[in-house]
Amino acid sequence: MDAKHWMEELNKNQILRNVQKLLETQTEKGIEKYGTTVNPSDYTLVGWLEHLQQEMIDAVVYCEVLKFKYAHLVALEKLNSDVNVE
Protein backbone atom coordinates (compact mmCIF):
# COMPACT_ATOMS: atom_id res chain seq x y z
CA MET A 1 0.00 0.00 0.00
CA ASP A 2 1.49 3.34 -0.98
CA ALA A 3 1.66 6.27 1.44
CA LYS A 4 -1.17 8.19 -0.22
CA HIS A 5 -3.57 5.24 -0.03
CA TRP A 6 -2.51 4.57 3.56
CA MET A 7 -3.25 8.18 4.55
CA GLU A 8 -6.65 8.02 2.84
CA GLU A 9 -7.51 4.89 4.82
CA LEU A 10 -6.26 6.49 8.01
CA ASN A 11 -8.35 9.60 7.44
CA LYS A 12 -11.51 7.53 6.83
CA ASN A 13 -11.15 5.60 10.08
CA GLN A 14 -11.87 7.43 13.35
CA ILE A 15 -10.25 4.69 15.45
CA LEU A 16 -7.01 4.88 13.48
CA ARG A 17 -7.03 8.68 13.70
CA ASN A 18 -7.43 8.41 17.46
CA VAL A 19 -4.52 5.95 17.68
CA GLN A 20 -2.39 8.23 15.52
CA LYS A 21 -3.17 11.17 17.82
CA LEU A 22 -2.30 9.07 20.87
CA LEU A 23 1.02 8.12 19.29
CA GLU A 24 1.77 11.76 18.50
CA THR A 25 0.89 12.85 22.04
CA GLN A 26 2.93 10.05 23.61
CA THR A 27 5.90 10.88 21.37
CA GLU A 28 5.71 14.55 22.39
CA LYS A 29 5.63 13.54 26.07
CA GLY A 30 8.64 11.29 25.58
CA ILE A 31 10.63 14.01 23.86
CA GLU A 32 9.75 16.51 26.59
CA LYS A 33 10.64 14.06 29.36
CA TYR A 34 13.67 12.29 27.86
CA GLY A 35 14.78 14.65 25.09
CA THR A 36 14.42 11.92 22.47
CA THR A 37 12.11 9.27 21.07
CA VAL A 38 12.45 5.56 21.79
CA ASN A 39 16.05 4.43 21.63
CA PRO A 40 16.52 0.66 21.24
CA SER A 41 19.90 0.84 22.96
CA ASP A 42 18.38 2.23 26.17
CA TYR A 43 17.73 -1.29 27.47
CA THR A 44 18.90 -4.81 26.85
CA LEU A 45 16.49 -7.30 25.33
CA VAL A 46 15.56 -8.46 28.82
CA GLY A 47 15.24 -4.86 29.95
CA TRP A 48 12.76 -4.15 27.14
CA LEU A 49 10.81 -7.30 28.04
CA GLU A 50 10.67 -6.25 31.68
CA HIS A 51 9.56 -2.76 30.67
CA LEU A 52 6.83 -4.30 28.50
CA GLN A 53 5.73 -6.53 31.39
CA GLN A 54 5.40 -3.50 33.65
CA GLU A 55 3.33 -1.66 31.04
CA MET A 56 1.13 -4.72 30.52
CA ILE A 57 0.57 -5.12 34.25
CA ASP A 58 -0.53 -1.49 34.36
CA ALA A 59 -2.92 -2.24 31.47
CA VAL A 60 -4.38 -5.20 33.39
CA VAL A 61 -4.95 -2.94 36.39
CA TYR A 62 -6.70 -0.40 34.16
CA CYS A 63 -8.91 -3.19 32.74
CA GLU A 64 -9.91 -4.22 36.24
CA VAL A 65 -10.78 -0.63 37.13
CA LEU A 66 -12.93 -0.33 34.01
CA LYS A 67 -14.69 -3.63 34.74
CA PHE A 68 -15.37 -2.47 38.29
CA LYS A 69 -16.73 0.88 37.11
CA TYR A 70 -18.88 -0.81 34.46
CA ALA A 71 -20.32 -3.26 37.00
CA HIS A 72 -21.07 -0.33 39.29
CA LEU A 73 -22.88 1.52 36.47
CA VAL A 74 -24.90 -1.57 35.58
CA ALA A 75 -25.90 -2.00 39.23
CA LEU A 76 -26.93 1.65 39.45
CA GLU A 77 -28.97 1.39 36.24
CA LYS A 78 -30.71 -1.72 37.57
CA LEU A 79 -31.42 -0.03 40.88
CA ASN A 80 -32.72 3.02 39.03
CA SER A 81 -34.96 0.95 36.76
CA ASP A 82 -36.28 -1.02 39.76
CA VAL A 83 -37.16 2.25 41.52
CA ASN A 84 -38.86 3.64 38.40
CA VAL A 85 -41.00 0.50 37.99
CA GLU A 86 -42.52 0.80 41.44
C-alpha atoms as a PDB file:
ATOM      1  CA  MET A   1       0.000   0.000   0.000  1.00  0.00           C
ATOM      2  CA  ASP A   2       1.489   3.341  -0.978  1.00  0.00           C
ATOM      3  CA  ALA A   3       1.663   6.271   1.438  1.00  0.00           C
ATOM      4  CA  LYS A   4      -1.170   8.190  -0.224  1.00  0.00           C
ATOM      5  CA  HIS A   5      -3.565   5.239  -0.031  1.00  0.00           C
ATOM      6  CA  TRP A   6      -2.514   4.573   3.555  1.00  0.00           C
ATOM      7  CA  MET A   7      -3.247   8.177   4.547  1.00  0.00           C
ATOM      8  CA  GLU A   8      -6.650   8.016   2.838  1.00  0.00           C
ATOM      9  CA  GLU A   9      -7.507   4.888   4.817  1.00  0.00           C
ATOM     10  CA  LEU A  10      -6.256   6.489   8.015  1.00  0.00           C
ATOM     11  CA  ASN A  11      -8.354   9.600   7.438  1.00  0.00           C
ATOM     12  CA  LYS A  12     -11.511   7.532   6.833  1.00  0.00           C
ATOM     13  CA  ASN A  13     -11.154   5.599  10.079  1.00  0.00           C
ATOM     14  CA  GLN A  14     -11.869   7.434  13.351  1.00  0.00           C
ATOM     15  CA  ILE A  15     -10.248   4.689  15.451  1.00  0.00           C
ATOM     16  CA  LEU A  16      -7.005   4.881  13.480  1.00  0.00           C
ATOM     17  CA  ARG A  17      -7.030   8.679  13.695  1.00  0.00           C
ATOM     18  CA  ASN A  18      -7.433   8.408  17.464  1.00  0.00           C
ATOM     19  CA  VAL A  19      -4.525   5.947  17.680  1.00  0.00           C
ATOM     20  CA  GLN A  20      -2.393   8.235  15.522  1.00  0.00           C
ATOM     21  CA  LYS A  21      -3.166  11.173  17.823  1.00  0.00           C
ATOM     22  CA  LEU A  22      -2.303   9.072  20.872  1.00  0.00           C
ATOM     23  CA  LEU A  23       1.019   8.125  19.285  1.00  0.00           C
ATOM     24  CA  GLU A  24       1.770  11.763  18.495  1.00  0.00           C
ATOM     25  CA  THR A  25       0.892  12.850  22.038  1.00  0.00           C
ATOM     26  CA  GLN A  26       2.934  10.045  23.605  1.00  0.00           C
ATOM     27  CA  THR A  27       5.900  10.881  21.373  1.00  0.00           C
ATOM     28  CA  GLU A  28       5.712  14.547  22.391  1.00  0.00           C
ATOM     29  CA  LYS A  29       5.629  13.540  26.069  1.00  0.00           C
ATOM     30  CA  GLY A  30       8.642  11.286  25.579  1.00  0.00           C
ATOM     31  CA  ILE A  31      10.627  14.007  23.856  1.00  0.00           C
ATOM     32  CA  GLU A  32       9.748  16.510  26.591  1.00  0.00           C
ATOM     33  CA  LYS A  33      10.638  14.059  29.365  1.00  0.00           C
ATOM     34  CA  TYR A  34      13.674  12.293  27.859  1.00  0.00           C
ATOM     35  CA  GLY A  35      14.782  14.650  25.091  1.00  0.00           C
ATOM     36  CA  THR A  36      14.418  11.922  22.473  1.00  0.00           C
ATOM     37  CA  THR A  37      12.112   9.274  21.065  1.00  0.00           C
ATOM     38  CA  VAL A  38      12.450   5.556  21.786  1.00  0.00           C
ATOM     39  CA  ASN A  39      16.053   4.427  21.634  1.00  0.00           C
ATOM     40  CA  PRO A  40      16.518   0.657  21.240  1.00  0.00           C
ATOM     41  CA  SER A  41      19.902   0.838  22.962  1.00  0.00           C
ATOM     42  CA  ASP A  42      18.378   2.226  26.170  1.00  0.00           C
ATOM     43  CA  TYR A  43      17.726  -1.294  27.469  1.00  0.00           C
ATOM     44  CA  THR A  44      18.901  -4.807  26.850  1.00  0.00           C
ATOM     45  CA  LEU A  45      16.489  -7.300  25.325  1.00  0.00           C
ATOM     46  CA  VAL A  46      15.561  -8.464  28.821  1.00  0.00           C
ATOM     47  CA  GLY A  47      15.243  -4.858  29.946  1.00  0.00           C
ATOM     48  CA  TRP A  48      12.760  -4.151  27.142  1.00  0.00           C
ATOM     49  CA  LEU A  49      10.808  -7.300  28.035  1.00  0.00           C
ATOM     50  CA  GLU A  50      10.672  -6.247  31.678  1.00  0.00           C
ATOM     51  CA  HIS A  51       9.556  -2.760  30.667  1.00  0.00           C
ATOM     52  CA  LEU A  52       6.826  -4.300  28.497  1.00  0.00           C
ATOM     53  CA  GLN A  53       5.731  -6.526  31.392  1.00  0.00           C
ATOM     54  CA  GLN A  54       5.403  -3.497  33.653  1.00  0.00           C
ATOM     55  CA  GLU A  55       3.333  -1.662  31.043  1.00  0.00           C
ATOM     56  CA  MET A  56       1.125  -4.716  30.523  1.00  0.00           C
ATOM     57  CA  ILE A  57       0.570  -5.123  34.254  1.00  0.00           C
ATOM     58  CA  ASP A  58      -0.531  -1.487  34.358  1.00  0.00           C
ATOM     59  CA  ALA A  59      -2.918  -2.238  31.471  1.00  0.00           C
ATOM     60  CA  VAL A  60      -4.380  -5.200  33.385  1.00  0.00           C
ATOM     61  CA  VAL A  61      -4.948  -2.940  36.392  1.00  0.00           C
ATOM     62  CA  TYR A  62      -6.704  -0.398  34.159  1.00  0.00           C
ATOM     63  CA  CYS A  63      -8.911  -3.185  32.737  1.00  0.00           C
ATOM     64  CA  GLU A  64      -9.912  -4.221  36.241  1.00  0.00           C
ATOM     65  CA  VAL A  65     -10.776  -0.628  37.130  1.00  0.00           C
ATOM     66  CA  LEU A  66     -12.934  -0.328  34.008  1.00  0.00           C
ATOM     67  CA  LYS A  67     -14.687  -3.633  34.740  1.00  0.00           C
ATOM     68  CA  PHE A  68     -15.368  -2.466  38.293  1.00  0.00           C
ATOM     69  CA  LYS A  69     -16.734   0.876  37.115  1.00  0.00           C
ATOM     70  CA  TYR A  70     -18.877  -0.812  34.455  1.00  0.00           C
ATOM     71  CA  ALA A  71     -20.324  -3.263  37.000  1.00  0.00           C
ATOM     72  CA  HIS A  72     -21.073  -0.328  39.290  1.00  0.00           C
ATOM     73  CA  LEU A  73     -22.878   1.524  36.472  1.00  0.00           C
ATOM     74  CA  VAL A  74     -24.901  -1.571  35.576  1.00  0.00           C
ATOM     75  CA  ALA A  75     -25.904  -2.002  39.227  1.00  0.00           C
ATOM     76  CA  LEU A  76     -26.930   1.654  39.452  1.00  0.00           C
ATOM     77  CA  GLU A  77     -28.971   1.391  36.244  1.00  0.00           C
ATOM     78  CA  LYS A  78     -30.714  -1.718  37.567  1.00  0.00           C
ATOM     79  CA  LEU A  79     -31.421  -0.026  40.876  1.00  0.00           C
ATOM     80  CA  ASN A  80     -32.716   3.019  39.030  1.00  0.00           C
ATOM     81  CA  SER A  81     -34.960   0.955  36.763  1.00  0.00           C
ATOM     82  CA  ASP A  82     -36.280  -1.019  39.761  1.00  0.00           C
ATOM     83  CA  VAL A  83     -37.162   2.245  41.517  1.00  0.00           C
ATOM     84  CA  ASN A  84     -38.856   3.637  38.404  1.00  0.00           C
ATOM     85  CA  VAL A  85     -41.001   0.502  37.992  1.00  0.00           C
ATOM     86  CA  GLU A  86     -42.521   0.800  41.438  1.00  0.00           C
END
